[in-house]
């Protein structure tokens, strides 16, 4: 992604300074061509975590037939475990970490994975696209971590992510005029629930946190800086 290179070094330093128990990466390591993953992992290998570094893959990591195996192999070569419809227990059996296939991959199957867990088992879920939170309401998800939206890239002060404003404008126009609203088609292709583009959200009984990521696209970021999220979890009473 554009702007990734200048942000990744400082982001890794921030992360390591926190001495985290767990590092989770929510996908889109490349834009389309998978070859930059070889340079990317030369940076990511410096991530430090007491209980490991785990990742899910995003839609951009699947652009070419060899993208998924190449990106997965590169990440795992530097000690980053990719979870694709898989479960890990970095802290032991009392807490599950679930990584789901990308929503658009054709292999997104949360029931197949989540129903392997006992209902009383707390679980973290990494799922690239925040739209999946609407589907995951069927299951217990103590915390879902997603990316994909870059926070909306353009944040309108006092209003929120720019695509939410675009959608609100479309909703107020006659249907014949809606196709002429700038970026509305592009926004609709990226994600449906732009209100979940960044930060904390309660989705039914589940919780969702969407990170703004490090990269960007045209027209760039406005009032929406890249982000490293430092989260502290506490056992429920």
C-alpha atoms as a PDB file:
ATOM      1  CA  UNK A   1       0.000   0.000   0.000  1.00  0.00           C
ATOM      2  CA  UNK A   2       1.141   3.594  -0.658  1.00  0.00           C
ATOM      3  CA  UNK A   3       2.672   5.251   2.420  1.00  0.00           C
ATOM      4  CA  UNK A   4       3.314   1.868   3.996  1.00  0.00           C
ATOM      5  CA  UNK A   5       7.090   2.065   3.770  1.00  0.00           C
ATOM      6  CA  UNK A   6       7.443   5.348   5.652  1.00  0.00           C
ATOM      7  CA  UNK A   7       4.982   4.256   8.340  1.00  0.00           C
ATOM      8  CA  UNK A   8       5.956   0.652   9.008  1.00  0.00           C
ATOM      9  CA  UNK A   9       9.256   1.355  10.803  1.00  0.00           C
ATOM     10  CA  UNK A  10       7.773   3.787  13.336  1.00  0.00           C
ATOM     11  CA  UNK A  11       4.722   1.524  13.752  1.00  0.00           C
ATOM     12  CA  UNK A  12       6.900  -1.469  14.631  1.00  0.00           C
ATOM     13  CA  UNK A  13       8.892   0.658  17.085  1.00  0.00           C
ATOM     14  CA  UNK A  14       5.688   1.822  18.799  1.00  0.00           C
ATOM     15  CA  UNK A  15       4.446  -1.738  19.012  1.00  0.00           C
ATOM     16  CA  UNK A  16       7.693  -3.148  20.415  1.00  0.00           C
ATOM     17  CA  UNK A  17       7.962  -0.345  22.990  1.00  0.00           C
ATOM     18  CA  UNK A  18       4.683  -1.589  24.457  1.00  0.00           C
ATOM     19  CA  UNK A  19       6.177  -5.071  25.020  1.00  0.00           C
ATOM     20  CA  UNK A  20       2.898  -6.678  23.890  1.00  0.00           C
ATOM     21  CA  UNK A  21       1.653 -10.115  24.853  1.00  0.00           C
ATOM     22  CA  UNK A  22       0.206 -10.609  21.376  1.00  0.00           C
ATOM     23  CA  UNK A  23       0.479  -8.871  17.983  1.00  0.00           C
ATOM     24  CA  UNK A  24      -2.355  -9.242  15.470  1.00  0.00           C
ATOM     25  CA  UNK A  25      -2.221  -8.105  11.827  1.00  0.00           C
ATOM     26  CA  UNK A  26      -5.495  -7.786   9.929  1.00  0.00           C
ATOM     27  CA  UNK A  27      -4.469  -8.180   6.298  1.00  0.00           C
ATOM     28  CA  UNK A  28      -3.753  -6.355   3.027  1.00  0.00           C
ATOM     29  CA  UNK A  29       0.028  -6.622   3.101  1.00  0.00           C
ATOM     30  CA  UNK A  30       0.234  -5.731  -0.619  1.00  0.00           C
ATOM     31  CA  UNK A  31      -1.882  -3.747  -3.076  1.00  0.00           C
ATOM     32  CA  UNK A  32      -2.116  -6.259  -5.923  1.00  0.00           C
ATOM     33  CA  UNK A  33       1.221  -7.692  -7.112  1.00  0.00           C
ATOM     34  CA  UNK A  34       2.368 -10.027  -4.301  1.00  0.00           C
ATOM     35  CA  UNK A  35       6.106  -9.450  -4.860  1.00  0.00           C
ATOM     36  CA  UNK A  36       6.410  -6.545  -2.344  1.00  0.00           C
ATOM     37  CA  UNK A  37       5.702  -9.026   0.463  1.00  0.00           C
ATOM     38  CA  UNK A  38       9.359 -10.062   0.254  1.00  0.00           C
ATOM     39  CA  UNK A  39      10.432  -6.552   1.272  1.00  0.00           C
ATOM     40  CA  UNK A  40       7.551  -6.162   3.698  1.00  0.00           C
ATOM     41  CA  UNK A  41       8.548  -9.151   5.813  1.00  0.00           C
ATOM     42  CA  UNK A  42      12.084  -7.765   6.156  1.00  0.00           C
ATOM     43  CA  UNK A  43      10.423  -5.127   8.364  1.00  0.00           C
ATOM     44  CA  UNK A  44       7.737  -7.259   9.968  1.00  0.00           C
ATOM     45  CA  UNK A  45      10.274  -9.790  11.221  1.00  0.00           C
ATOM     46  CA  UNK A  46      11.290  -7.250  13.870  1.00  0.00           C
ATOM     47  CA  UNK A  47       7.885  -7.362  15.571  1.00  0.00           C
ATOM     48  CA  UNK A  48       8.241  -8.658  19.115  1.00  0.00           C
ATOM     49  CA  UNK A  49       5.551 -10.336  21.190  1.00  0.00           C
ATOM     50  CA  UNK A  50       5.550 -12.591  24.240  1.00  0.00           C
ATOM     51  CA  UNK A  51       2.980 -15.020  22.808  1.00  0.00           C
ATOM     52  CA  UNK A  52       3.450 -14.612  19.085  1.00  0.00           C
ATOM     53  CA  UNK A  53       2.463 -12.647  15.993  1.00  0.00           C
ATOM     54  CA  UNK A  54      -0.614 -13.774  14.055  1.00  0.00           C
ATOM     55  CA  UNK A  55      -2.312 -12.515  10.894  1.00  0.00           C
ATOM     56  CA  UNK A  56      -5.335 -12.917   8.697  1.00  0.00           C
ATOM     57  CA  UNK A  57      -5.261 -12.099   4.985  1.00  0.00           C
ATOM     58  CA  UNK A  58      -7.231  -9.425   3.153  1.00  0.00           C
ATOM     59  CA  UNK A  59      -8.745  -9.128  -0.309  1.00  0.00           C
ATOM     60  CA  UNK A  60      -5.619  -7.479  -1.752  1.00  0.00           C
ATOM     61  CA  UNK A  61      -3.574 -10.466  -0.625  1.00  0.00           C
ATOM     62  CA  UNK A  62      -5.586 -12.645  -3.040  1.00  0.00           C
ATOM     63  CA  UNK A  63      -5.365 -10.644  -6.275  1.00  0.00           C
ATOM     64  CA  UNK A  64      -3.327 -13.199  -8.283  1.00  0.00           C
ATOM     65  CA  UNK A  65      -3.409 -17.018  -8.292  1.00  0.00           C
ATOM     66  CA  UNK A  66      -0.093 -17.217  -6.447  1.00  0.00           C
ATOM     67  CA  UNK A  67      -0.797 -14.344  -4.026  1.00  0.00           C
ATOM     68  CA  UNK A  68      -2.152 -16.291  -1.072  1.00  0.00           C
ATOM     69  CA  UNK A  69       0.495 -19.043  -0.900  1.00  0.00           C
ATOM     70  CA  UNK A  70       3.301 -16.589  -1.583  1.00  0.00           C
ATOM     71  CA  UNK A  71       2.201 -14.083   1.052  1.00  0.00           C
ATOM     72  CA  UNK A  72       1.434 -16.769   3.610  1.00  0.00           C
ATOM     73  CA  UNK A  73       4.816 -18.420   3.068  1.00  0.00           C
ATOM     74  CA  UNK A  74       6.680 -15.115   3.390  1.00  0.00           C
ATOM     75  CA  UNK A  75       4.911 -14.208   6.622  1.00  0.00           C
ATOM     76  CA  UNK A  76       5.401 -17.623   8.166  1.00  0.00           C
ATOM     77  CA  UNK A  77       9.069 -17.567   7.164  1.00  0.00           C
ATOM     78  CA  UNK A  78       9.586 -14.693   9.621  1.00  0.00           C
ATOM     79  CA  UNK A  79       7.503 -16.284  12.379  1.00  0.00           C
ATOM     80  CA  UNK A  80       4.098 -14.723  11.664  1.00  0.00           C
ATOM     81  CA  UNK A  81       1.382 -17.401  11.772  1.00  0.00           C
ATOM     82  CA  UNK A  82      -1.404 -16.895   9.238  1.00  0.00           C
ATOM     83  CA  UNK A  83      -4.848 -18.047  10.398  1.00  0.00           C
ATOM     84  CA  UNK A  84      -7.164 -18.890   7.494  1.00  0.00           C
ATOM     85  CA  UNK A  85     -10.343 -20.383   8.959  1.00  0.00           C
ATOM     86  CA  UNK A  86      -8.180 -21.618  11.812  1.00  0.00           C
ATOM     87  CA  UNK A  87      -7.913 -21.428  15.600  1.00  0.00           C
ATOM     88  CA  UNK A  88      -4.867 -20.831  17.788  1.00  0.00           C
ATOM     89  CA  UNK A  89      -4.477 -20.710  21.567  1.00  0.00           C
ATOM     90  CA  UNK A  90      -1.512 -18.403  22.218  1.00  0.00           C
ATOM     91  CA  UNK A  91      -2.450 -18.014  25.906  1.00  0.00           C
ATOM     92  CA  UNK A  92      -3.653 -21.575  26.430  1.00  0.00           C
ATOM     93  CA  UNK A  93      -7.074 -23.257  26.087  1.00  0.00           C
ATOM     94  CA  UNK A  94      -8.983 -20.626  28.102  1.00  0.00           C
ATOM     95  CA  UNK A  95      -8.891 -18.064  25.247  1.00  0.00           C
ATOM     96  CA  UNK A  96      -9.196 -18.844  21.532  1.00  0.00           C
ATOM     97  CA  UNK A  97      -7.810 -16.768  18.693  1.00  0.00           C
ATOM     98  CA  UNK A  98      -9.775 -17.283  15.469  1.00  0.00           C
ATOM     99  CA  UNK A  99      -8.566 -16.107  12.072  1.00  0.00           C
ATOM    100  CA  UNK A 100     -11.119 -16.152   9.255  1.00  0.00           C
ATOM    101  CA  UNK A 101     -10.723 -16.338   5.489  1.00  0.00           C
ATOM    102  CA  UNK A 102     -11.318 -13.051   3.694  1.00  0.00           C
ATOM    103  CA  UNK A 103     -15.003 -12.235   3.229  1.00  0.00           C
ATOM    104  CA  UNK A 104     -14.679 -12.065  -0.591  1.00  0.00           C
ATOM    105  CA  UNK A 105     -12.459 -15.123  -0.971  1.00  0.00           C
ATOM    106  CA  UNK A 106     -15.244 -17.666  -1.399  1.00  0.00           C
ATOM    107  CA  UNK A 107     -13.863 -19.539   1.620  1.00  0.00           C
ATOM    108  CA  UNK A 108     -15.313 -17.354   4.374  1.00  0.00           C
ATOM    109  CA  UNK A 109     -17.051 -19.909   6.608  1.00  0.00           C
ATOM    110  CA  UNK A 110     -17.237 -18.689  10.224  1.00  0.00           C
ATOM    111  CA  UNK A 111     -19.642 -21.395  11.364  1.00  0.00           C
ATOM    112  CA  UNK A 112     -17.220 -24.128  10.379  1.00  0.00           C
ATOM    113  CA  UNK A 113     -14.591 -22.563  12.634  1.00  0.00           C
ATOM    114  CA  UNK A 114     -16.487 -20.990  15.531  1.00  0.00           C
ATOM    115  CA  UNK A 115     -18.683 -24.024  16.150  1.00  0.00           C
ATOM    116  CA  UNK A 116     -15.549 -25.988  17.015  1.00  0.00           C
ATOM    117  CA  UNK A 117     -15.356 -23.932  20.218  1.00  0.00           C
ATOM    118  CA  UNK A 118     -17.357 -24.538  23.361  1.00  0.00           C
ATOM    119  CA  UNK A 119     -19.885 -21.721  23.936  1.00  0.00           C
ATOM    120  CA  UNK A 120     -18.243 -20.772  27.235  1.00  0.00           C
ATOM    121  CA  UNK A 121     -14.816 -20.264  25.622  1.00  0.00           C
ATOM    122  CA  UNK A 122     -13.922 -16.568  25.136  1.00  0.00           C
ATOM    123  CA  UNK A 123     -12.553 -15.785  21.703  1.00  0.00           C
ATOM    124  CA  UNK A 124     -10.827 -13.065  19.713  1.00  0.00           C
ATOM    125  CA  UNK A 125     -11.578 -13.018  15.984  1.00  0.00           C
ATOM    126  CA  UNK A 126      -9.425 -11.430  13.296  1.00  0.00           C
ATOM    127  CA  UNK A 127     -11.433 -10.867  10.119  1.00  0.00           C
ATOM    128  CA  UNK A 128     -10.170  -8.403   7.516  1.00  0.00           C
ATOM    129  CA  UNK A 129     -13.475  -6.916   6.366  1.00  0.00           C
ATOM    130  CA  UNK A 130     -15.593  -5.249   9.093  1.00  0.00           C
ATOM    131  CA  UNK A 131     -18.766  -6.095   7.150  1.00  0.00           C
ATOM    132  CA  UNK A 132     -18.359  -9.613   8.511  1.00  0.00           C
ATOM    133  CA  UNK A 133     -19.455  -8.346  11.929  1.00  0.00           C
ATOM    134  CA  UNK A 134     -23.058  -8.384  10.689  1.00  0.00           C
ATOM    135  CA  UNK A 135     -22.763 -12.106   9.937  1.00  0.00           C
ATOM    136  CA  UNK A 136     -20.790 -12.927  13.073  1.00  0.00           C
ATOM    137  CA  UNK A 137     -23.694 -11.762  15.265  1.00  0.00           C
ATOM    138  CA  UNK A 138     -24.877 -15.383  15.058  1.00  0.00           C
ATOM    139  CA  UNK A 139     -21.948 -16.499  17.229  1.00  0.00           C
ATOM    140  CA  UNK A 140     -20.139 -15.392  20.339  1.00  0.00           C
ATOM    141  CA  UNK A 141     -17.362 -12.940  19.417  1.00  0.00           C
ATOM    142  CA  UNK A 142     -15.905 -11.256  22.480  1.00  0.00           C
ATOM    143  CA  UNK A 143     -13.814  -8.995  20.261  1.00  0.00           C
ATOM    144  CA  UNK A 144     -13.468  -8.821  16.478  1.00  0.00           C
ATOM    145  CA  UNK A 145     -10.469  -6.990  15.011  1.00  0.00           C
ATOM    146  CA  UNK A 146     -10.689  -5.772  11.403  1.00  0.00           C
ATOM    147  CA  UNK A 147      -9.057  -3.398   8.936  1.00  0.00           C
ATOM    148  CA  UNK A 148      -9.887  -2.969   5.209  1.00  0.00           C
ATOM    149  CA  UNK A 149     -11.422   0.526   5.280  1.00  0.00           C
ATOM    150  CA  UNK A 150      -8.337   2.622   6.175  1.00  0.00           C
ATOM    151  CA  UNK A 151     -10.697   4.426   8.554  1.00  0.00           C
ATOM    152  CA  UNK A 152     -12.497   5.901   5.564  1.00  0.00           C
ATOM    153  CA  UNK A 153      -9.266   7.738   4.592  1.00  0.00           C
ATOM    154  CA  UNK A 154     -11.078  11.074   4.687  1.00  0.00           C
ATOM    155  CA  UNK A 155     -12.564  12.014   8.043  1.00  0.00           C
ATOM    156  CA  UNK A 156     -14.936  14.990   8.116  1.00  0.00           C
ATOM    157  CA  UNK A 157     -14.447  16.838  11.439  1.00  0.00           C
ATOM    158  CA  UNK A 158     -17.610  16.684  13.494  1.00  0.00           C
ATOM    159  CA  UNK A 159     -19.216  14.146  11.177  1.00  0.00           C
ATOM    160  CA  UNK A 160     -17.034  11.068  10.724  1.00  0.00           C
ATOM    161  CA  UNK A 161     -15.698   9.036   7.785  1.00  0.00           C
ATOM    162  CA  UNK A 162     -16.163  10.712   4.414  1.00  0.00           C
ATOM    163  CA  UNK A 163     -17.975   7.732   2.852  1.00  0.00           C
ATOM    164  CA  UNK A 164     -20.697   8.052   5.502  1.00  0.00           C
ATOM    165  CA  UNK A 165     -21.253  11.623   4.321  1.00  0.00           C
ATOM    166  CA  UNK A 166     -21.326  10.424   0.702  1.00  0.00           C
ATOM    167  CA  UNK A 167     -23.965   7.828   1.591  1.00  0.00           C
ATOM    168  CA  UNK A 168     -26.022  10.361   3.519  1.00  0.00           C
ATOM    169  CA  UNK A 169     -25.962  12.658   0.488  1.00  0.00           C
ATOM    170  CA  UNK A 170     -27.051   9.815  -1.804  1.00  0.00           C
ATOM    171  CA  UNK A 171     -29.937   8.960   0.499  1.00  0.00           C
ATOM    172  CA  UNK A 172     -31.270  12.518   0.187  1.00  0.00           C
ATOM    173  CA  UNK A 173     -31.113  12.685  -3.607  1.00  0.00           C
ATOM    174  CA  UNK A 174     -33.544  11.258  -6.186  1.00  0.00           C
ATOM    175  CA  UNK A 175     -32.366   7.873  -7.448  1.00  0.00           C
ATOM    176  CA  UNK A 176     -31.658   9.316 -10.890  1.00  0.00           C
ATOM    177  CA  UNK A 177     -29.050  11.678  -9.444  1.00  0.00           C
ATOM    178  CA  UNK A 178     -27.306   9.272  -7.063  1.00  0.00           C
ATOM    179  CA  UNK A 179     -24.894   7.825  -9.676  1.00  0.00           C
ATOM    180  CA  UNK A 180     -23.451  11.328 -10.155  1.00  0.00           C
ATOM    181  CA  UNK A 181     -22.297  11.664  -6.552  1.00  0.00           C
ATOM    182  CA  UNK A 182     -18.455  11.486  -6.546  1.00  0.00           C
ATOM    183  CA  UNK A 183     -16.915   8.285  -5.147  1.00  0.00           C
ATOM    184  CA  UNK A 184     -20.260   6.705  -4.206  1.00  0.00           C
ATOM    185  CA  UNK A 185     -19.741   3.695  -6.478  1.00  0.00           C
ATOM    186  CA  UNK A 186     -16.172   3.218  -5.271  1.00  0.00           C
ATOM    187  CA  UNK A 187     -17.226   3.459  -1.623  1.00  0.00           C
ATOM    188  CA  UNK A 188     -20.046   0.960  -2.099  1.00  0.00           C
ATOM    189  CA  UNK A 189     -17.591  -1.568  -3.557  1.00  0.00           C
ATOM    190  CA  UNK A 190     -15.218  -1.353  -0.585  1.00  0.00           C
ATOM    191  CA  UNK A 191     -17.611  -1.970   2.280  1.00  0.00           C
ATOM    192  CA  UNK A 192     -21.291  -1.717   3.126  1.00  0.00           C
ATOM    193  CA  UNK A 193     -21.174  -0.588   6.756  1.00  0.00           C
ATOM    194  CA  UNK A 194     -19.064   2.555   6.528  1.00  0.00           C
ATOM    195  CA  UNK A 195     -20.310   3.550   9.980  1.00  0.00           C
ATOM    196  CA  UNK A 196     -17.932   0.828  11.214  1.00  0.00           C
ATOM    197  CA  UNK A 197     -14.950   2.256   9.312  1.00  0.00           C
ATOM    198  CA  UNK A 198     -12.836   2.857  12.417  1.00  0.00           C
ATOM    199  CA  UNK A 199     -12.811   2.473  16.177  1.00  0.00           C
ATOM    200  CA  UNK A 200     -15.066   0.609  18.636  1.00  0.00           C
ATOM    201  CA  UNK A 201     -18.541  -0.659  17.789  1.00  0.00           C
ATOM    202  CA  UNK A 202     -21.084  -2.820  19.585  1.00  0.00           C
ATOM    203  CA  UNK A 203     -22.677  -5.214  17.078  1.00  0.00           C
ATOM    204  CA  UNK A 204     -25.445  -7.073  18.864  1.00  0.00           C
ATOM    205  CA  UNK A 205     -23.713  -8.738  21.819  1.00  0.00           C
ATOM    206  CA  UNK A 206     -20.329  -8.671  20.053  1.00  0.00           C
ATOM    207  CA  UNK A 207     -17.645  -6.016  19.991  1.00  0.00           C
ATOM    208  CA  UNK A 208     -15.761  -4.808  16.911  1.00  0.00           C
ATOM    209  CA  UNK A 209     -12.621  -2.698  16.643  1.00  0.00           C
ATOM    210  CA  UNK A 210     -11.494  -1.446  13.222  1.00  0.00           C
ATOM    211  CA  UNK A 211      -7.931  -0.236  12.830  1.00  0.00           C
ATOM    212  CA  UNK A 212      -7.122   2.552  10.323  1.00  0.00           C
ATOM    213  CA  UNK A 213      -4.048   0.705   9.052  1.00  0.00           C
ATOM    214  CA  UNK A 214      -0.814   2.145   7.655  1.00  0.00           C
ATOM    215  CA  UNK A 215      -1.367   2.372   3.900  1.00  0.00           C
ATOM    216  CA  UNK A 216      -3.632   4.504   1.749  1.00  0.00           C
ATOM    217  CA  UNK A 217      -5.090   5.065  -1.715  1.00  0.00           C
ATOM    218  CA  UNK A 218      -5.915   8.106  -3.842  1.00  0.00           C
ATOM    219  CA  UNK A 219      -7.056  10.683  -2.731  1.00  0.00           C
ATOM    220  CA  UNK A 220      -4.990   9.998   0.408  1.00  0.00           C
ATOM    221  CA  UNK A 221      -5.685  10.521   4.101  1.00  0.00           C
ATOM    222  CA  UNK A 222      -7.343  13.654   5.463  1.00  0.00           C
ATOM    223  CA  UNK A 223      -7.852  13.929   9.246  1.00  0.00           C
ATOM    224  CA  UNK A 224      -7.468  10.142   9.341  1.00  0.00           C
ATOM    225  CA  UNK A 225      -3.880   9.311  10.346  1.00  0.00           C
ATOM    226  CA  UNK A 226      -2.417   5.806  10.212  1.00  0.00           C
ATOM    227  CA  UNK A 227      -2.809   3.848  13.402  1.00  0.00           C
ATOM    228  CA  UNK A 228      -1.226   1.304  15.708  1.00  0.00           C
ATOM    229  CA  UNK A 229      -3.876   0.058  18.174  1.00  0.00           C
ATOM    230  CA  UNK A 230      -2.762  -0.867  21.677  1.00  0.00           C
ATOM    231  CA  UNK A 231      -5.552  -2.814  23.400  1.00  0.00           C
ATOM    232  CA  UNK A 232      -5.717  -4.081  26.979  1.00  0.00           C
ATOM    233  CA  UNK A 233      -8.095  -6.942  27.726  1.00  0.00           C
ATOM    234  CA  UNK A 234      -9.477  -7.806  31.145  1.00  0.00           C
ATOM    235  CA  UNK A 235     -11.174 -10.993  32.305  1.00  0.00           C
ATOM    236  CA  UNK A 236     -14.907 -10.457  32.831  1.00  0.00           C
ATOM    237  CA  UNK A 237     -16.206 -10.927  36.379  1.00  0.00           C
END
